[in-house]
Each structure stands twice: as structure tokens, then as C-alpha cells.
N, C-alpha and C. Protein backbone atom coordinates (compact mmCIF):
# COMPACT_ATOMS: atom_id res chain seq x y z
N UNK A 1 -20.53 -8.18 -3.70
CA UNK A 1 -18.96 -8.54 -2.89
C UNK A 1 -19.41 -7.72 -1.25
N UNK A 2 -19.28 -8.47 -0.32
CA UNK A 2 -19.95 -8.17 0.85
C UNK A 2 -18.46 -7.82 1.80
N UNK A 3 -17.94 -6.78 1.56
CA UNK A 3 -16.85 -6.26 2.34
C UNK A 3 -16.78 -5.59 3.29
N UNK A 4 -16.56 -5.59 4.75
CA UNK A 4 -17.07 -5.00 5.69
C UNK A 4 -16.33 -3.82 5.61
N UNK A 5 -17.52 -3.03 6.95
CA UNK A 5 -17.46 -1.64 6.48
C UNK A 5 -15.87 -1.15 7.03
N UNK A 6 -14.70 -1.75 7.78
CA UNK A 6 -13.76 -1.85 8.31
C UNK A 6 -13.21 -3.21 8.72
N UNK A 7 -11.80 -3.33 8.89
CA UNK A 7 -11.59 -4.75 9.29
C UNK A 7 -10.70 -4.85 8.18
N UNK A 8 -10.70 -6.45 7.98
CA UNK A 8 -9.72 -7.37 7.05
C UNK A 8 -10.96 -8.21 6.42
N UNK A 9 -10.09 -7.94 5.07
CA UNK A 9 -10.69 -9.17 3.69
C UNK A 9 -9.72 -10.12 3.63
N UNK A 10 -10.40 -11.12 2.95
CA UNK A 10 -9.37 -12.70 2.61
C UNK A 10 -9.51 -12.59 0.87
N UNK A 11 -8.21 -12.86 0.77
CA UNK A 11 -7.74 -12.72 -0.97
C UNK A 11 -6.45 -13.48 -0.87
N UNK A 12 -6.13 -13.88 -1.73
CA UNK A 12 -4.85 -14.85 -2.16
C UNK A 12 -4.26 -13.78 -2.42
N UNK A 13 -2.47 -14.50 -2.56
CA UNK A 13 -1.66 -13.55 -2.64
C UNK A 13 0.03 -14.37 -2.96
N UNK A 14 0.74 -14.36 -4.19
CA UNK A 14 1.37 -15.20 -4.30
C UNK A 14 2.67 -13.80 -4.67
N UNK A 15 4.09 -14.27 -4.62
CA UNK A 15 4.94 -13.60 -4.91
C UNK A 15 4.83 -12.83 -6.19
N UNK A 16 4.11 -13.53 -7.48
CA UNK A 16 4.12 -12.69 -8.78
C UNK A 16 3.08 -11.60 -9.07
N UNK A 17 2.16 -12.12 -7.90
CA UNK A 17 0.93 -11.01 -7.92
C UNK A 17 1.33 -9.83 -7.13
N UNK A 18 2.32 -10.20 -5.90
CA UNK A 18 2.92 -8.97 -4.81
C UNK A 18 3.51 -7.93 -6.04
N UNK A 19 4.33 -8.57 -6.64
CA UNK A 19 5.27 -7.81 -7.87
C UNK A 19 4.59 -6.74 -8.52
N UNK A 20 3.56 -7.58 -8.47
CA UNK A 20 2.56 -6.64 -10.10
C UNK A 20 2.26 -5.40 -9.51
N UNK A 21 1.40 -5.48 -8.54
CA UNK A 21 0.99 -4.86 -7.15
C UNK A 21 1.37 -3.62 -7.15
N UNK A 22 2.89 -3.44 -7.00
CA UNK A 22 3.83 -2.91 -7.01
C UNK A 22 4.66 -2.05 -8.14
N UNK A 23 4.20 -2.73 -9.66
CA UNK A 23 4.69 -2.30 -10.75
C UNK A 23 4.31 -1.21 -11.26
N UNK A 24 4.39 -0.30 -11.70
CA UNK A 24 4.16 0.82 -12.77
C UNK A 24 5.24 1.28 -13.71
N UNK A 25 5.19 1.24 -15.05
CA UNK A 25 5.85 1.08 -16.04
C UNK A 25 6.86 2.10 -16.18
N UNK A 26 7.77 2.29 -16.76
CA UNK A 26 8.17 3.40 -17.22
C UNK A 26 8.15 3.40 -18.67
N UNK A 27 8.70 5.03 -18.92
CA UNK A 27 8.30 5.25 -20.37
C UNK A 27 8.82 4.71 -21.22
N UNK A 28 10.78 4.08 -21.21
CA UNK A 28 11.38 3.58 -21.63
C UNK A 28 11.20 2.16 -21.83
N UNK A 29 10.14 1.29 -21.08
CA UNK A 29 9.45 0.35 -21.42
C UNK A 29 8.94 -0.43 -23.00
N UNK A 30 8.36 0.61 -23.19
CA UNK A 30 6.97 0.50 -24.03
C UNK A 30 8.39 0.50 -25.41
N UNK A 31 8.22 -0.59 -26.37
CA UNK A 31 9.13 -0.41 -27.56
C UNK A 31 8.03 0.72 -28.77
N UNK A 32 8.91 2.32 -29.09
CA UNK A 32 8.03 2.70 -29.95
C UNK A 32 7.85 2.64 -31.29
N UNK A 33 8.51 1.10 -31.66
CA UNK A 33 7.86 0.73 -32.95
C UNK A 33 6.60 0.33 -32.76
N UNK A 34 6.65 -1.31 -32.04
CA UNK A 34 5.59 -1.40 -31.97
C UNK A 34 4.39 -1.71 -30.65
N UNK A 35 4.88 -0.87 -30.16
CA UNK A 35 4.07 -0.54 -29.05
C UNK A 35 4.11 -1.29 -27.80
N UNK A 36 4.37 -2.29 -27.44
CA UNK A 36 4.85 -3.66 -26.99
C UNK A 36 5.63 -2.49 -25.31
N UNK A 37 4.63 -3.25 -24.80
CA UNK A 37 5.48 -2.80 -23.13
C UNK A 37 5.99 -4.27 -22.55
N UNK A 38 7.07 -3.50 -22.07
CA UNK A 38 7.75 -5.00 -21.42
C UNK A 38 8.78 -4.84 -20.43
N UNK A 39 8.00 -4.72 -19.07
CA UNK A 39 8.87 -4.08 -18.16
C UNK A 39 9.02 -5.61 -17.16
N UNK A 40 9.84 -5.40 -16.71
CA UNK A 40 10.58 -6.16 -15.59
C UNK A 40 11.06 -5.74 -14.96
N UNK A 41 10.27 -6.06 -13.34
CA UNK A 41 11.04 -6.27 -11.49
C UNK A 41 11.10 -7.62 -11.23
N UNK A 42 12.39 -7.41 -10.45
CA UNK A 42 12.57 -8.29 -9.28
C UNK A 42 12.54 -9.72 -10.79
N UNK A 43 11.98 -10.62 -10.37
CA UNK A 43 11.68 -12.00 -10.63
C UNK A 43 10.18 -12.36 -11.84
N UNK A 44 8.93 -11.14 -11.69
CA UNK A 44 8.33 -10.86 -12.64
C UNK A 44 8.68 -10.26 -13.88
N UNK A 45 8.17 -10.80 -14.56
CA UNK A 45 8.18 -9.57 -16.41
C UNK A 45 6.70 -9.44 -16.98
N UNK A 46 6.12 -8.53 -17.01
CA UNK A 46 5.04 -8.01 -17.92
C UNK A 46 5.17 -7.45 -18.88
N UNK A 47 4.10 -8.33 -20.30
CA UNK A 47 4.28 -8.42 -21.47
C UNK A 47 2.71 -7.90 -21.77
N UNK A 48 2.33 -6.54 -22.76
CA UNK A 48 1.23 -6.16 -22.80
C UNK A 48 1.48 -5.59 -24.44
N UNK A 49 1.05 -6.28 -25.55
CA UNK A 49 1.12 -5.68 -26.42
C UNK A 49 0.26 -4.89 -26.94
N UNK A 50 0.58 -4.14 -27.62
CA UNK A 50 -0.24 -2.95 -27.83
C UNK A 50 -0.49 -2.03 -27.50
N UNK A 51 0.50 -1.76 -26.25
CA UNK A 51 0.03 -1.09 -24.90
C UNK A 51 0.12 0.30 -25.43
N UNK A 52 1.03 0.57 -26.33
CA UNK A 52 0.98 2.18 -26.51
C UNK A 52 -0.05 2.66 -27.41
N UNK A 53 -1.09 1.69 -28.39
CA UNK A 53 -2.70 2.52 -28.26
C UNK A 53 -3.63 1.83 -27.58
N UNK A 54 -3.64 1.79 -26.34
CA UNK A 54 -4.00 1.64 -25.41
C UNK A 54 -4.76 3.19 -24.76
N UNK A 55 -6.28 2.76 -24.30
CA UNK A 55 -6.66 4.37 -23.88
C UNK A 55 -6.50 3.70 -22.07
N UNK A 56 -4.72 4.22 -21.30
CA UNK A 56 -5.10 3.49 -20.23
C UNK A 56 -3.47 3.44 -19.84
N UNK A 57 -3.53 2.74 -18.76
CA UNK A 57 -2.17 2.27 -18.48
C UNK A 57 -2.47 1.65 -17.13
N UNK A 58 -1.00 1.06 -16.48
CA UNK A 58 -0.74 0.11 -15.72
C UNK A 58 -0.10 1.48 -14.42
N UNK A 59 -1.61 0.63 -13.52
CA UNK A 59 -1.35 2.01 -12.35
C UNK A 59 -1.89 1.91 -11.50
N UNK A 60 -2.42 2.44 -10.18
CA UNK A 60 -2.79 1.65 -8.94
C UNK A 60 -4.14 1.46 -9.28
N UNK A 61 -4.97 2.04 -10.30
CA UNK A 61 -6.18 1.51 -10.42
C UNK A 61 -6.79 0.80 -10.72
N UNK A 62 -5.89 0.11 -12.13
CA UNK A 62 -5.35 -1.36 -12.26
C UNK A 62 -5.24 -2.25 -11.50
N UNK A 63 -4.34 -2.03 -11.18
CA UNK A 63 -3.64 -3.09 -10.10
C UNK A 63 -5.20 -3.32 -8.60
N UNK A 64 -5.71 -1.66 -8.47
CA UNK A 64 -7.04 -1.94 -7.60
C UNK A 64 -8.33 -3.12 -8.19
N UNK A 65 -8.50 -2.89 -9.66
CA UNK A 65 -9.27 -3.75 -10.31
C UNK A 65 -9.38 -5.31 -10.33
N UNK A 66 -7.59 -5.36 -10.71
CA UNK A 66 -7.76 -6.74 -10.47
C UNK A 66 -7.65 -7.06 -8.73
N UNK A 67 -7.17 -6.90 -7.47
CA UNK A 67 -7.43 -6.91 -6.54
C UNK A 67 -8.99 -7.71 -6.26
N UNK A 68 -9.60 -6.12 -6.86
CA UNK A 68 -11.18 -6.85 -6.34
C UNK A 68 -11.71 -7.95 -7.10
N UNK A 69 -10.92 -8.60 -7.93
CA UNK A 69 -11.07 -9.59 -9.13
C UNK A 69 -10.63 -10.73 -7.81
N UNK A 70 -9.73 -10.42 -7.64
CA UNK A 70 -8.83 -11.33 -6.54
C UNK A 70 -9.52 -12.07 -5.45
N UNK A 71 -9.94 -11.03 -5.09
CA UNK A 71 -10.69 -10.62 -3.47
C UNK A 71 -12.27 -11.70 -3.84
N UNK A 72 -13.13 -11.89 -4.87
CA UNK A 72 -14.17 -11.96 -4.92
C UNK A 72 -13.58 -13.63 -5.63
N UNK A 73 -12.49 -13.45 -6.70
CA UNK A 73 -11.97 -15.11 -6.50
C UNK A 73 -11.77 -15.95 -5.39
N UNK A 74 -11.65 -15.21 -4.91
CA UNK A 74 -11.25 -15.96 -3.07
C UNK A 74 -12.60 -16.08 -2.20
N UNK A 75 -13.13 -15.24 -2.64
CA UNK A 75 -14.86 -15.44 -1.79
C UNK A 75 -15.75 -16.39 -2.16
N UNK A 76 -15.20 -16.59 -3.47
CA UNK A 76 -15.90 -17.63 -4.13
C UNK A 76 -15.06 -19.04 -3.83
N UNK A 77 -13.75 -19.69 -2.97
CA UNK A 77 -13.32 -20.15 -3.21
C UNK A 77 -12.56 -20.82 -4.20
N UNK A 78 -12.11 -20.00 -5.51
CA UNK A 78 -11.39 -20.36 -6.17
C UNK A 78 -12.32 -21.51 -7.69
N UNK A 79 -13.43 -21.89 -7.09
CA UNK A 79 -14.28 -23.08 -8.12
C UNK A 79 -14.82 -22.60 -8.91
N UNK A 80 -14.67 -20.86 -9.71
CA UNK A 80 -14.63 -20.62 -11.21
C UNK A 80 -13.98 -19.98 -11.59
N UNK A 81 -13.29 -19.91 -12.69
CA UNK A 81 -12.35 -19.39 -13.00
C UNK A 81 -13.15 -17.14 -13.50
N UNK A 82 -14.40 -17.53 -13.66
CA UNK A 82 -15.51 -16.18 -13.76
C UNK A 82 -15.98 -15.34 -12.55
N UNK A 83 -15.14 -14.24 -11.92
CA UNK A 83 -16.09 -13.44 -10.95
C UNK A 83 -17.00 -12.36 -11.97
N UNK A 84 -17.73 -11.69 -10.88
CA UNK A 84 -18.04 -10.55 -10.99
C UNK A 84 -19.10 -9.95 -9.92
N UNK A 85 -18.62 -8.57 -10.27
CA UNK A 85 -19.47 -7.85 -8.92
C UNK A 85 -19.91 -6.73 -9.74
N UNK A 86 -20.51 -5.70 -8.96
CA UNK A 86 -21.32 -4.60 -9.72
C UNK A 86 -20.75 -3.25 -9.75
N UNK A 87 -20.65 -2.24 -10.50
CA UNK A 87 -20.07 -1.28 -10.57
C UNK A 87 -20.52 -0.47 -9.89
N UNK A 88 -21.25 -0.45 -9.20
CA UNK A 88 -21.73 0.31 -7.76
C UNK A 88 -21.13 -0.31 -6.86
N UNK A 89 -20.69 -1.30 -6.85
CA UNK A 89 -20.05 -1.60 -5.23
C UNK A 89 -18.28 -1.21 -5.21
N UNK A 90 -17.41 -1.50 -6.29
CA UNK A 90 -16.84 -0.87 -6.85
C UNK A 90 -16.54 0.55 -6.78
N UNK A 91 -17.69 1.12 -7.13
CA UNK A 91 -17.07 2.82 -7.12
C UNK A 91 -17.57 2.79 -5.54
N UNK A 92 -17.99 2.50 -4.63
CA UNK A 92 -18.21 2.85 -3.15
C UNK A 92 -17.00 2.48 -2.28
N UNK A 93 -16.48 1.42 -3.13
CA UNK A 93 -15.20 1.34 -2.60
C UNK A 93 -13.73 2.61 -3.01
N UNK A 94 -14.32 3.00 -4.20
CA UNK A 94 -13.23 4.04 -4.66
C UNK A 94 -13.91 5.04 -4.19
N UNK A 95 -14.96 5.10 -3.63
CA UNK A 95 -15.60 6.68 -2.97
C UNK A 95 -15.90 7.32 -4.55
N UNK A 96 -16.44 6.29 -5.62
CA UNK A 96 -17.18 7.19 -6.26
C UNK A 96 -18.58 7.04 -6.45
N UNK A 97 -19.40 7.80 -7.17
CA UNK A 97 -20.58 7.59 -7.33
C UNK A 97 -21.41 7.27 -8.72
N UNK A 98 -20.50 8.43 -9.79
CA UNK A 98 -20.88 8.67 -11.28
C UNK A 98 -20.64 7.29 -11.80
N UNK A 99 -21.70 5.86 -11.88
CA UNK A 99 -21.06 4.87 -12.84
C UNK A 99 -21.07 4.64 -14.35
N UNK A 100 -21.03 5.99 -14.71
CA UNK A 100 -21.32 5.98 -16.27
C UNK A 100 -19.68 6.47 -16.44
N UNK A 101 -19.17 6.90 -15.78
CA UNK A 101 -17.42 7.55 -15.88
C UNK A 101 -17.05 6.44 -15.58
N UNK A 102 -17.33 5.72 -14.69
CA UNK A 102 -16.39 4.49 -13.60
C UNK A 102 -16.84 3.73 -15.28
N UNK A 103 -17.72 3.77 -15.45
CA UNK A 103 -17.43 1.93 -16.77
C UNK A 103 -16.62 2.41 -17.54
N UNK A 104 -16.37 3.64 -17.92
CA UNK A 104 -15.45 4.01 -19.32
C UNK A 104 -14.45 3.24 -18.64
N UNK A 105 -13.37 3.64 -17.29
CA UNK A 105 -12.77 3.57 -16.64
C UNK A 105 -12.40 2.12 -16.59
N UNK A 106 -13.36 1.21 -15.93
CA UNK A 106 -13.36 -0.05 -15.98
C UNK A 106 -12.86 -1.24 -17.16
N UNK A 107 -13.62 -0.36 -17.76
CA UNK A 107 -13.53 -0.97 -19.19
C UNK A 107 -12.37 -1.02 -19.85
N UNK A 108 -11.71 0.53 -19.71
CA UNK A 108 -10.35 0.76 -20.62
C UNK A 108 -9.46 -0.41 -19.72
N UNK A 109 -9.15 -0.52 -18.27
CA UNK A 109 -8.29 -1.21 -17.73
C UNK A 109 -8.62 -3.03 -17.84
N UNK A 110 -9.79 -3.03 -18.17
CA UNK A 110 -10.42 -4.65 -18.78
C UNK A 110 -9.19 -4.71 -19.89
N UNK A 111 -9.44 -3.76 -21.03
CA UNK A 111 -8.89 -4.14 -22.07
C UNK A 111 -7.01 -4.66 -21.91
N UNK A 112 -6.95 -3.90 -21.03
CA UNK A 112 -5.35 -3.93 -20.67
C UNK A 112 -5.03 -5.54 -19.98
N UNK A 113 -5.90 -5.95 -19.31
CA UNK A 113 -5.68 -6.93 -18.78
C UNK A 113 -6.29 -7.79 -19.54
N UNK A 114 -7.10 -7.88 -20.77
CA UNK A 114 -6.78 -8.82 -21.40
C UNK A 114 -5.55 -9.34 -22.00
N UNK A 115 -4.85 -8.14 -22.22
CA UNK A 115 -3.90 -8.35 -23.44
C UNK A 115 -2.82 -8.78 -22.60
N UNK A 116 -2.88 -8.43 -20.67
CA UNK A 116 -1.63 -9.32 -20.58
C UNK A 116 -0.89 -10.37 -20.11
N UNK A 117 0.21 -10.54 -20.26
CA UNK A 117 1.05 -11.57 -20.10
C UNK A 117 1.62 -11.35 -19.00
N UNK A 118 1.96 -12.58 -17.93
CA UNK A 118 2.86 -12.79 -16.80
C UNK A 118 4.45 -13.40 -17.26
N UNK A 119 5.28 -13.47 -17.09
CA UNK A 119 5.94 -14.55 -16.09
C UNK A 119 6.71 -14.86 -14.84
N UNK A 120 7.13 -15.56 -14.26
CA UNK A 120 7.74 -15.58 -13.55
C UNK A 120 8.85 -16.30 -12.88
N UNK A 121 10.20 -15.98 -12.87
CA UNK A 121 11.03 -16.86 -12.77
C UNK A 121 11.75 -16.72 -10.71
N UNK A 122 11.40 -17.91 -10.50
CA UNK A 122 11.85 -18.01 -8.93
C UNK A 122 13.25 -18.98 -8.96
N UNK A 123 13.80 -18.91 -8.15
CA UNK A 123 15.04 -19.74 -7.48
C UNK A 123 14.19 -21.05 -6.09
N UNK A 124 13.70 -20.34 -5.62
CA UNK A 124 12.76 -20.55 -4.66
C UNK A 124 11.83 -21.66 -5.10
N UNK A 125 12.33 -23.81 -5.29
CA UNK A 125 11.49 -24.45 -5.16
C UNK A 125 10.27 -24.81 -4.92
N UNK A 126 10.12 -23.78 -3.69
CA UNK A 126 8.70 -24.06 -3.05
C UNK A 126 7.35 -22.82 -3.50
N UNK A 127 8.40 -21.45 -4.23
CA UNK A 127 7.33 -21.00 -5.54
C UNK A 127 7.61 -21.39 -6.32
N UNK A 128 6.47 -20.96 -7.15
CA UNK A 128 5.92 -21.94 -8.59
C UNK A 128 6.98 -20.56 -9.47
N UNK A 129 7.23 -21.41 -10.79
CA UNK A 129 8.00 -20.11 -11.60
C UNK A 129 7.17 -20.38 -13.11
N UNK A 130 7.12 -19.73 -13.91
CA UNK A 130 5.76 -19.80 -15.15
C UNK A 130 6.04 -18.45 -16.20
N UNK A 131 5.31 -19.02 -17.07
CA UNK A 131 5.84 -18.16 -18.33
C UNK A 131 5.06 -17.50 -19.10
N UNK A 132 4.68 -16.69 -19.72
CA UNK A 132 3.81 -16.22 -20.93
C UNK A 132 2.40 -16.57 -20.21
N UNK A 133 1.71 -16.23 -18.95
CA UNK A 133 0.17 -16.57 -18.82
C UNK A 133 -0.07 -15.53 -19.27
N UNK A 134 -1.64 -15.91 -20.09
CA UNK A 134 -2.27 -14.39 -19.48
C UNK A 134 -2.99 -14.30 -18.34
N UNK A 135 -3.27 -13.43 -17.78
CA UNK A 135 -4.26 -13.17 -16.95
C UNK A 135 -5.99 -13.22 -17.00
N UNK A 136 -6.84 -12.88 -18.44
CA UNK A 136 -7.77 -12.81 -18.27
C UNK A 136 -7.81 -12.99 -19.79
N UNK A 137 -8.87 -13.39 -19.91
CA UNK A 137 -9.69 -14.55 -21.76
C UNK A 137 -10.62 -13.69 -21.84
N UNK A 138 -11.52 -13.31 -20.84
CA UNK A 138 -12.92 -12.72 -21.10
C UNK A 138 -13.43 -11.58 -20.31
N UNK A 139 -13.82 -10.20 -20.83
CA UNK A 139 -14.18 -9.66 -19.72
C UNK A 139 -15.70 -8.84 -20.69
N UNK A 140 -16.59 -8.53 -19.48
CA UNK A 140 -17.50 -8.35 -20.10
C UNK A 140 -18.43 -6.88 -19.21
N UNK A 141 -19.10 -5.71 -19.39
CA UNK A 141 -19.54 -4.98 -17.98
C UNK A 141 -21.20 -5.36 -19.31
N UNK A 142 -21.93 -5.55 -18.35
CA UNK A 142 -23.59 -5.75 -18.70
C UNK A 142 -24.64 -5.44 -17.38
N UNK A 143 -25.21 -4.62 -18.20
CA UNK A 143 -26.12 -4.26 -16.88
C UNK A 143 -25.43 -3.87 -15.40
N UNK A 144 -24.60 -3.01 -15.42
CA UNK A 144 -23.81 -2.91 -14.22
C UNK A 144 -22.98 -3.82 -14.06
N UNK A 145 -22.72 -4.69 -14.58
CA UNK A 145 -22.31 -6.15 -13.81
C UNK A 145 -20.68 -5.49 -14.78
N UNK A 146 -19.73 -6.15 -13.94
CA UNK A 146 -18.16 -6.52 -14.49
C UNK A 146 -18.17 -7.89 -14.47
N UNK A 147 -17.65 -9.05 -15.46
CA UNK A 147 -17.35 -10.10 -15.76
C UNK A 147 -16.14 -10.15 -15.64
N UNK A 148 -14.74 -10.46 -14.92
CA UNK A 148 -13.64 -11.11 -15.48
C UNK A 148 -13.72 -12.63 -15.89
N UNK A 149 -12.97 -13.52 -16.59
CA UNK A 149 -13.09 -14.76 -16.82
C UNK A 149 -10.72 -14.12 -16.62
N UNK A 150 -10.83 -15.54 -15.79
CA UNK A 150 -8.98 -15.38 -15.67
C UNK A 150 -8.68 -16.46 -16.61
N UNK A 151 -7.69 -16.23 -17.12
CA UNK A 151 -7.33 -17.88 -17.76
C UNK A 151 -6.78 -18.60 -16.58
N UNK A 152 -7.10 -20.25 -17.52
CA UNK A 152 -7.28 -21.37 -16.07
C UNK A 152 -5.94 -21.29 -16.36
N UNK A 153 -4.92 -20.80 -16.27
CA UNK A 153 -3.54 -20.74 -15.97
C UNK A 153 -3.00 -20.29 -14.94
N UNK A 154 -3.45 -18.33 -15.03
CA UNK A 154 -3.46 -17.80 -13.72
C UNK A 154 -4.72 -18.19 -12.73
N UNK A 155 -5.81 -18.87 -12.79
CA UNK A 155 -6.74 -19.23 -12.44
C UNK A 155 -6.28 -20.69 -11.16
N UNK A 156 -5.05 -20.84 -12.03
CA UNK A 156 -3.97 -22.15 -11.06
C UNK A 156 -3.35 -21.53 -10.06
N UNK A 157 -2.93 -20.47 -10.42
CA UNK A 157 -1.65 -20.23 -9.73
C UNK A 157 -2.60 -19.18 -8.43
N UNK A 158 -3.65 -18.72 -9.08
CA UNK A 158 -4.50 -18.12 -7.78
C UNK A 158 -4.71 -19.26 -6.52
N UNK A 159 -5.45 -20.03 -6.97
CA UNK A 159 -5.58 -21.75 -6.30
C UNK A 159 -4.71 -22.07 -5.51
N UNK A 160 -3.39 -21.97 -5.50
CA UNK A 160 -2.38 -22.46 -5.42
C UNK A 160 -1.67 -21.05 -4.56
N UNK A 161 -1.88 -20.83 -4.24
CA UNK A 161 -1.30 -19.37 -3.72
C UNK A 161 -2.22 -19.34 -1.90
N UNK A 162 -1.39 -18.47 -1.14
CA UNK A 162 -1.98 -18.18 0.11
C UNK A 162 -3.08 -17.65 0.01
N UNK A 163 -3.81 -17.52 1.49
CA UNK A 163 -4.94 -17.20 1.62
C UNK A 163 -4.64 -16.06 2.42
N UNK A 164 -4.91 -15.05 2.30
CA UNK A 164 -4.07 -13.97 3.22
C UNK A 164 -5.36 -12.84 3.79
N UNK A 165 -5.18 -12.04 4.97
CA UNK A 165 -6.10 -11.51 5.36
C UNK A 165 -5.37 -9.75 4.94
N UNK A 166 -6.38 -8.75 4.40
CA UNK A 166 -5.36 -7.74 3.76
C UNK A 166 -6.22 -6.72 5.16
N UNK A 167 -5.82 -5.16 4.98
CA UNK A 167 -6.53 -4.84 5.71
C UNK A 167 -7.39 -4.04 4.74
N UNK A 168 -8.75 -3.60 5.18
CA UNK A 168 -9.70 -2.61 3.75
C UNK A 168 -9.17 -1.47 3.42
N UNK A 169 -9.13 -1.06 4.87
CA UNK A 169 -8.69 0.34 4.69
C UNK A 169 -7.31 0.58 3.33
N UNK A 170 -6.48 -0.52 3.55
CA UNK A 170 -5.12 -0.33 2.26
C UNK A 170 -5.34 -0.55 1.20
N UNK A 171 -7.06 -1.47 0.54
CA UNK A 171 -7.01 -1.23 -0.53
C UNK A 171 -7.87 -0.23 -0.81
N UNK A 172 -8.77 0.46 -0.04
CA UNK A 172 -9.74 2.03 -0.50
C UNK A 172 -8.23 2.69 -0.55
N UNK A 173 -7.69 3.19 0.16
CA UNK A 173 -6.36 4.23 0.26
C UNK A 173 -6.09 3.98 -0.80
N UNK A 174 -5.00 2.48 -1.72
CA UNK A 174 -4.77 2.62 -2.55
C UNK A 174 -5.03 3.97 -3.99
N UNK A 175 -6.11 4.56 -3.89
CA UNK A 175 -6.31 5.17 -4.85
C UNK A 175 -5.37 6.78 -5.11
N UNK A 176 -5.58 7.05 -3.23
CA UNK A 176 -4.82 8.16 -3.30
C UNK A 176 -3.78 8.40 -2.06
N UNK A 177 -3.18 7.23 -1.95
CA UNK A 177 -1.71 7.23 -1.62
C UNK A 177 -0.66 6.55 -2.69
N UNK A 178 0.71 6.55 -1.73
CA UNK A 178 1.22 6.52 -2.83
C UNK A 178 1.73 4.00 -2.69
N UNK A 179 1.29 3.78 -3.87
CA UNK A 179 1.34 2.32 -3.98
C UNK A 179 2.68 1.41 -3.01
N UNK A 180 3.77 2.17 -3.44
CA UNK A 180 4.79 1.72 -2.54
C UNK A 180 4.65 1.64 -1.66
N UNK A 181 4.19 2.64 -0.39
CA UNK A 181 4.00 2.22 0.94
C UNK A 181 3.08 1.41 1.47
N UNK A 182 1.61 2.02 0.55
CA UNK A 182 0.47 0.65 0.83
C UNK A 182 1.36 -0.79 0.29
N UNK A 183 2.33 -0.76 -0.30
CA UNK A 183 2.70 -2.25 -0.78
C UNK A 183 3.43 -2.87 0.34
N UNK A 184 3.99 -1.97 0.83
CA UNK A 184 5.80 -2.26 2.28
C UNK A 184 4.27 -2.67 3.29
N UNK A 185 3.39 -1.65 3.31
CA UNK A 185 2.11 -2.50 5.17
C UNK A 185 1.61 -3.49 4.39
N UNK A 186 1.37 -3.97 3.33
CA UNK A 186 0.70 -4.93 2.66
C UNK A 186 0.95 -6.06 3.25
N UNK A 187 2.62 -6.07 2.21
CA UNK A 187 2.97 -7.54 2.11
C UNK A 187 3.65 -7.68 3.77
N UNK A 188 3.98 -6.96 4.65
CA UNK A 188 4.63 -6.85 6.20
C UNK A 188 3.23 -6.58 7.39
N UNK A 189 2.19 -6.86 6.63
CA UNK A 189 1.27 -6.49 7.55
C UNK A 189 0.78 -8.17 8.55
């Protein structure tokens, strides 16, 4: 991934991914019996089966991993549902050098992305509504390369989304700053 040292990066954004980027689940949104996460925010609903059994959660670092995958998807012109990036590149963006601990962290977030389904309901005819869309259908980490395959439906949503320029510093600072503040800046940039 050829991210410039400073400046802007190109990514695809839509209302659903913007709302997901600012969503962190509350404990009461996880069913204590079956472990299903059902998180509703504005027009977006996120479902993750067996969420309570997963080692990890939906947080700023998961959002950042998805951002990186969407940036790579945008760089490739949305021609393929599959994106690849190295752990070293991702670690550099995060300011981390230890790829072994980073590999474990990325792996747990990829499990959540694989299980995640999104629904989005919009009254605006210009904004596409959808229901039960799986984010990714496959992933792997091999030879320090992360591969994520978006579902055909999620990739189609991204292809129809606007290409936006996003300050690289906001992407990197997400790990240390409050994501709500950064979401506001990114949305209003």
C-alpha cells in the first residue's frame, strides 16, 4: 500500500461505512444466551453471531483494519473483491514493529469481519438500502500478507460509493484519539 507520508489518501465512503466507523457496541447489545451482537445506530444495524465467544471486539482498531482494506480496494479501482496488504505496512501505519503480536491482533479482527453482517435502511432515494450483507467471505494471513475477500454484495456497495480524499493523519491517529472526534473531522473534511 503506497500511503504518502502526509497528505490525503483516496478511499470509498458511503453512509453505512461512515456509521460503522463511529459504532462501538455496548454490553447490553450482546445477547447473554446466544452471544449474538445486534448493534443499531441511526440507519445501520450490525449483526455478529457468537460475538461473545470471540477474542476481541468491534473497536477503533477493527475500524482501522476495515479502512485499510477499503483503501486498498479503492487503489485497485474496485476491480477485484480481494485485497492484499502486508503486516509490515499495516504495522507502520499503526506505529508498531512487532509483526507477531500484530498478526494475532489482525487475525482476531478478521474473524469478526468474517462473521459481521450489515443492514442499512435509508429514506433517501439516492442512498442505497440493503439487508443482511456479509462484509467478507474469506481471509488469510500467509507469509506476512493479509488477504481479505469482500462479499460480492459488500464490494458492489463500495463500487457505488463515492471516492473521497481522507487525511492520512486521521487514519493513523485513530488508534490513540477518540474515534467520535475523528469521525466528525473526517465526515466534515
